[in-house]
């Protein structure tokens, strides 16, 4: 799962924990509802300022961590290079 998807899931969970809809969060943050949806669904490629405003509104913060590299296991290799 990509980092954007993981961030989106965390944001969605935090918003729901606050019992807020995307529409309510759009009114609170001034960020369009469709942009909030893109963030929550891991498809947001906009400005860091917008992402940080939304994270702040739901009580989260953006942090940078060292990237972890791993080799795929055999099942993943079969999926990647299967003859379908």
N, C-alpha and C. Protein backbone atom coordinates (compact mmCIF):
# COMPACT_ATOMS: atom_id res chain seq x y z
N UNK A 1 0.84 -1.18 0.00
CA UNK A 1 0.00 0.00 0.00
C UNK A 1 0.89 1.24 0.00
N UNK A 2 0.54 2.22 -0.82
CA UNK A 2 1.36 3.42 -0.91
C UNK A 2 1.19 4.31 0.31
N UNK A 3 2.12 5.19 0.50
CA UNK A 3 2.07 6.12 1.62
C UNK A 3 0.84 7.02 1.53
N UNK A 4 0.49 7.45 0.33
CA UNK A 4 -0.69 8.32 0.18
C UNK A 4 -1.95 7.60 0.64
N UNK A 5 -2.06 6.33 0.29
CA UNK A 5 -3.24 5.57 0.71
C UNK A 5 -3.26 5.43 2.23
N UNK A 6 -2.13 5.17 2.81
CA UNK A 6 -2.04 5.01 4.26
C UNK A 6 -2.39 6.32 4.97
N UNK A 7 -1.87 7.43 4.45
CA UNK A 7 -2.19 8.74 5.02
C UNK A 7 -3.69 9.01 4.89
N UNK A 8 -4.23 8.72 3.72
CA UNK A 8 -5.66 8.93 3.50
C UNK A 8 -6.53 8.16 4.47
N UNK A 9 -6.17 6.91 4.71
CA UNK A 9 -6.93 6.09 5.66
C UNK A 9 -6.85 6.66 7.07
N UNK A 10 -5.66 7.14 7.45
CA UNK A 10 -5.51 7.73 8.78
C UNK A 10 -6.33 9.01 8.91
N UNK A 11 -6.33 9.81 7.86
CA UNK A 11 -7.10 11.06 7.88
C UNK A 11 -8.59 10.75 7.97
N UNK A 12 -9.06 9.81 7.17
CA UNK A 12 -10.48 9.43 7.19
C UNK A 12 -10.89 8.92 8.57
N UNK A 13 -10.06 8.08 9.16
CA UNK A 13 -10.34 7.55 10.49
C UNK A 13 -10.40 8.67 11.52
N UNK A 14 -9.45 9.59 11.44
CA UNK A 14 -9.43 10.72 12.39
C UNK A 14 -10.66 11.61 12.21
N UNK A 15 -11.06 11.86 10.96
CA UNK A 15 -12.24 12.69 10.70
C UNK A 15 -13.49 12.02 11.26
N UNK A 16 -13.63 10.74 11.01
CA UNK A 16 -14.80 10.02 11.50
C UNK A 16 -14.81 9.96 13.03
N UNK A 17 -13.62 9.86 13.64
CA UNK A 17 -13.52 9.87 15.10
C UNK A 17 -14.04 11.20 15.66
N UNK A 18 -13.90 12.27 14.89
CA UNK A 18 -14.43 13.57 15.29
C UNK A 18 -15.91 13.73 14.93
N UNK A 19 -16.50 12.69 14.36
CA UNK A 19 -17.91 12.71 13.93
C UNK A 19 -18.20 13.84 12.95
N UNK A 20 -17.28 14.02 12.01
CA UNK A 20 -17.42 15.07 11.01
C UNK A 20 -17.57 14.44 9.63
N UNK A 21 -18.40 15.04 8.81
CA UNK A 21 -18.50 14.62 7.41
C UNK A 21 -17.46 15.39 6.59
N UNK A 22 -17.24 14.94 5.38
CA UNK A 22 -16.34 15.69 4.51
C UNK A 22 -16.89 17.09 4.25
N UNK A 23 -18.18 17.22 4.11
CA UNK A 23 -18.79 18.52 3.88
C UNK A 23 -18.52 19.46 5.06
N UNK A 24 -18.66 18.95 6.28
CA UNK A 24 -18.39 19.77 7.47
C UNK A 24 -16.91 20.16 7.52
N UNK A 25 -16.03 19.23 7.20
CA UNK A 25 -14.60 19.53 7.21
C UNK A 25 -14.24 20.54 6.12
N UNK A 26 -14.93 20.47 5.00
CA UNK A 26 -14.69 21.44 3.93
C UNK A 26 -15.05 22.84 4.41
N UNK A 27 -16.15 22.95 5.13
CA UNK A 27 -16.55 24.26 5.67
C UNK A 27 -15.56 24.74 6.72
N UNK A 28 -15.07 23.83 7.55
CA UNK A 28 -14.13 24.18 8.62
C UNK A 28 -12.77 24.60 8.07
N UNK A 29 -12.27 23.86 7.08
CA UNK A 29 -10.91 24.08 6.58
C UNK A 29 -10.83 25.04 5.40
N UNK A 30 -11.94 25.23 4.70
CA UNK A 30 -11.90 26.03 3.48
C UNK A 30 -11.33 25.26 2.30
N UNK A 31 -11.22 23.94 2.45
CA UNK A 31 -10.72 23.07 1.37
C UNK A 31 -11.92 22.40 0.72
N UNK A 32 -11.97 22.43 -0.60
CA UNK A 32 -13.11 21.86 -1.32
C UNK A 32 -13.29 20.38 -0.96
N UNK A 33 -14.55 19.97 -0.88
CA UNK A 33 -14.89 18.59 -0.50
C UNK A 33 -14.25 17.56 -1.43
N UNK A 34 -14.17 17.86 -2.72
CA UNK A 34 -13.55 16.89 -3.65
C UNK A 34 -12.06 16.74 -3.37
N UNK A 35 -11.41 17.79 -2.90
CA UNK A 35 -9.99 17.69 -2.54
C UNK A 35 -9.83 16.84 -1.29
N UNK A 36 -10.73 17.01 -0.32
CA UNK A 36 -10.69 16.18 0.88
C UNK A 36 -10.87 14.71 0.52
N UNK A 37 -11.76 14.45 -0.42
CA UNK A 37 -11.98 13.09 -0.88
C UNK A 37 -10.72 12.52 -1.54
N UNK A 38 -10.05 13.33 -2.37
CA UNK A 38 -8.80 12.88 -3.00
C UNK A 38 -7.75 12.52 -1.94
N UNK A 39 -7.65 13.34 -0.89
CA UNK A 39 -6.69 13.06 0.17
C UNK A 39 -7.03 11.73 0.84
N UNK A 40 -8.29 11.57 1.21
CA UNK A 40 -8.72 10.36 1.93
C UNK A 40 -8.60 9.10 1.08
N UNK A 41 -8.65 9.25 -0.23
CA UNK A 41 -8.56 8.09 -1.12
C UNK A 41 -7.17 7.89 -1.69
N UNK A 42 -6.19 8.65 -1.20
CA UNK A 42 -4.81 8.46 -1.62
C UNK A 42 -4.49 8.93 -3.01
N UNK A 43 -5.30 9.83 -3.56
CA UNK A 43 -5.08 10.32 -4.92
C UNK A 43 -4.66 11.78 -4.97
N UNK A 44 -4.41 12.39 -3.84
CA UNK A 44 -4.09 13.82 -3.78
C UNK A 44 -2.66 14.07 -4.23
N UNK A 45 -2.48 15.00 -5.16
CA UNK A 45 -1.15 15.37 -5.63
C UNK A 45 -0.96 16.89 -5.57
N UNK A 46 -1.77 17.54 -4.76
CA UNK A 46 -1.73 18.99 -4.66
C UNK A 46 -0.68 19.51 -3.70
N UNK A 47 -0.92 20.70 -3.18
CA UNK A 47 0.08 21.39 -2.37
C UNK A 47 0.19 20.81 -0.96
N UNK A 48 1.38 20.91 -0.43
CA UNK A 48 1.64 20.47 0.93
C UNK A 48 0.84 21.31 1.92
N UNK A 49 0.64 22.59 1.61
CA UNK A 49 -0.13 23.48 2.48
C UNK A 49 -1.54 22.95 2.70
N UNK A 50 -2.19 22.51 1.64
CA UNK A 50 -3.55 21.98 1.75
C UNK A 50 -3.56 20.71 2.60
N UNK A 51 -2.63 19.81 2.32
CA UNK A 51 -2.56 18.57 3.09
C UNK A 51 -2.33 18.87 4.56
N UNK A 52 -1.41 19.78 4.87
CA UNK A 52 -1.13 20.12 6.26
C UNK A 52 -2.33 20.76 6.95
N UNK A 53 -3.08 21.59 6.23
CA UNK A 53 -4.29 22.19 6.82
C UNK A 53 -5.31 21.13 7.20
N UNK A 54 -5.48 20.14 6.33
CA UNK A 54 -6.45 19.08 6.62
C UNK A 54 -5.95 18.21 7.78
N UNK A 55 -4.67 17.85 7.74
CA UNK A 55 -4.12 17.06 8.84
C UNK A 55 -4.28 17.78 10.17
N UNK A 56 -4.00 19.07 10.19
CA UNK A 56 -4.14 19.86 11.41
C UNK A 56 -5.59 19.86 11.90
N UNK A 57 -6.52 19.96 10.99
CA UNK A 57 -7.94 20.02 11.35
C UNK A 57 -8.43 18.72 12.01
N UNK A 58 -7.80 17.60 11.67
CA UNK A 58 -8.21 16.32 12.26
C UNK A 58 -7.26 15.87 13.37
N UNK A 59 -6.30 16.74 13.72
CA UNK A 59 -5.41 16.43 14.83
C UNK A 59 -4.23 15.55 14.49
N UNK A 60 -3.81 15.58 13.23
CA UNK A 60 -2.65 14.79 12.79
C UNK A 60 -1.55 15.74 12.33
N UNK A 61 -0.35 15.20 12.18
CA UNK A 61 0.75 15.99 11.62
C UNK A 61 1.55 15.13 10.66
N UNK A 62 2.19 15.79 9.73
CA UNK A 62 2.99 15.11 8.72
C UNK A 62 4.41 14.95 9.25
N UNK A 63 4.94 13.74 9.17
CA UNK A 63 6.31 13.50 9.57
C UNK A 63 7.02 12.74 8.46
N UNK A 64 8.32 12.92 8.39
CA UNK A 64 9.13 12.22 7.39
C UNK A 64 9.91 11.11 8.08
N UNK A 65 9.90 9.95 7.46
CA UNK A 65 10.65 8.82 7.99
C UNK A 65 11.51 8.24 6.87
N UNK A 66 12.53 7.54 7.27
CA UNK A 66 13.40 6.92 6.29
C UNK A 66 12.64 5.83 5.54
N UNK A 67 12.83 5.80 4.24
CA UNK A 67 12.15 4.82 3.41
C UNK A 67 12.70 3.42 3.69
N UNK A 68 11.80 2.47 3.79
CA UNK A 68 12.18 1.08 4.04
C UNK A 68 12.10 0.31 2.72
N UNK A 69 13.19 -0.34 2.37
CA UNK A 69 13.23 -1.16 1.16
C UNK A 69 13.14 -2.62 1.56
N UNK A 70 12.37 -3.38 0.80
CA UNK A 70 12.28 -4.81 1.08
C UNK A 70 12.15 -5.55 -0.24
N UNK A 71 12.59 -6.77 -0.22
CA UNK A 71 12.45 -7.63 -1.39
C UNK A 71 11.08 -8.29 -1.36
N UNK A 72 10.43 -8.43 -2.51
CA UNK A 72 9.14 -9.11 -2.54
C UNK A 72 9.30 -10.60 -2.22
N UNK A 73 8.25 -11.19 -1.65
CA UNK A 73 8.32 -12.63 -1.40
C UNK A 73 7.92 -13.36 -2.69
N UNK A 74 8.03 -14.69 -2.68
CA UNK A 74 7.80 -15.47 -3.90
C UNK A 74 6.41 -15.30 -4.46
N UNK A 75 5.39 -15.24 -3.58
CA UNK A 75 4.01 -15.08 -4.06
C UNK A 75 3.83 -13.76 -4.81
N UNK A 76 4.45 -12.70 -4.32
CA UNK A 76 4.36 -11.41 -4.99
C UNK A 76 5.05 -11.45 -6.35
N UNK A 77 6.17 -12.17 -6.43
CA UNK A 77 6.87 -12.31 -7.72
C UNK A 77 6.01 -13.04 -8.73
N UNK A 78 5.31 -14.08 -8.29
CA UNK A 78 4.42 -14.81 -9.17
C UNK A 78 3.34 -13.89 -9.73
N UNK A 79 2.80 -13.02 -8.87
CA UNK A 79 1.76 -12.08 -9.31
C UNK A 79 2.33 -11.10 -10.34
N UNK A 80 3.53 -10.60 -10.07
CA UNK A 80 4.14 -9.61 -10.95
C UNK A 80 4.49 -10.18 -12.32
N UNK A 81 5.00 -11.42 -12.34
CA UNK A 81 5.53 -11.97 -13.58
C UNK A 81 4.75 -13.20 -14.07
N UNK A 82 3.52 -13.36 -13.58
CA UNK A 82 2.69 -14.48 -14.02
C UNK A 82 2.36 -14.38 -15.49
N UNK A 83 2.06 -15.50 -16.09
CA UNK A 83 1.77 -15.54 -17.53
C UNK A 83 0.28 -15.54 -17.79
N UNK A 84 -0.36 -14.47 -17.41
CA UNK A 84 -1.82 -14.36 -17.64
C UNK A 84 -2.14 -13.49 -18.78
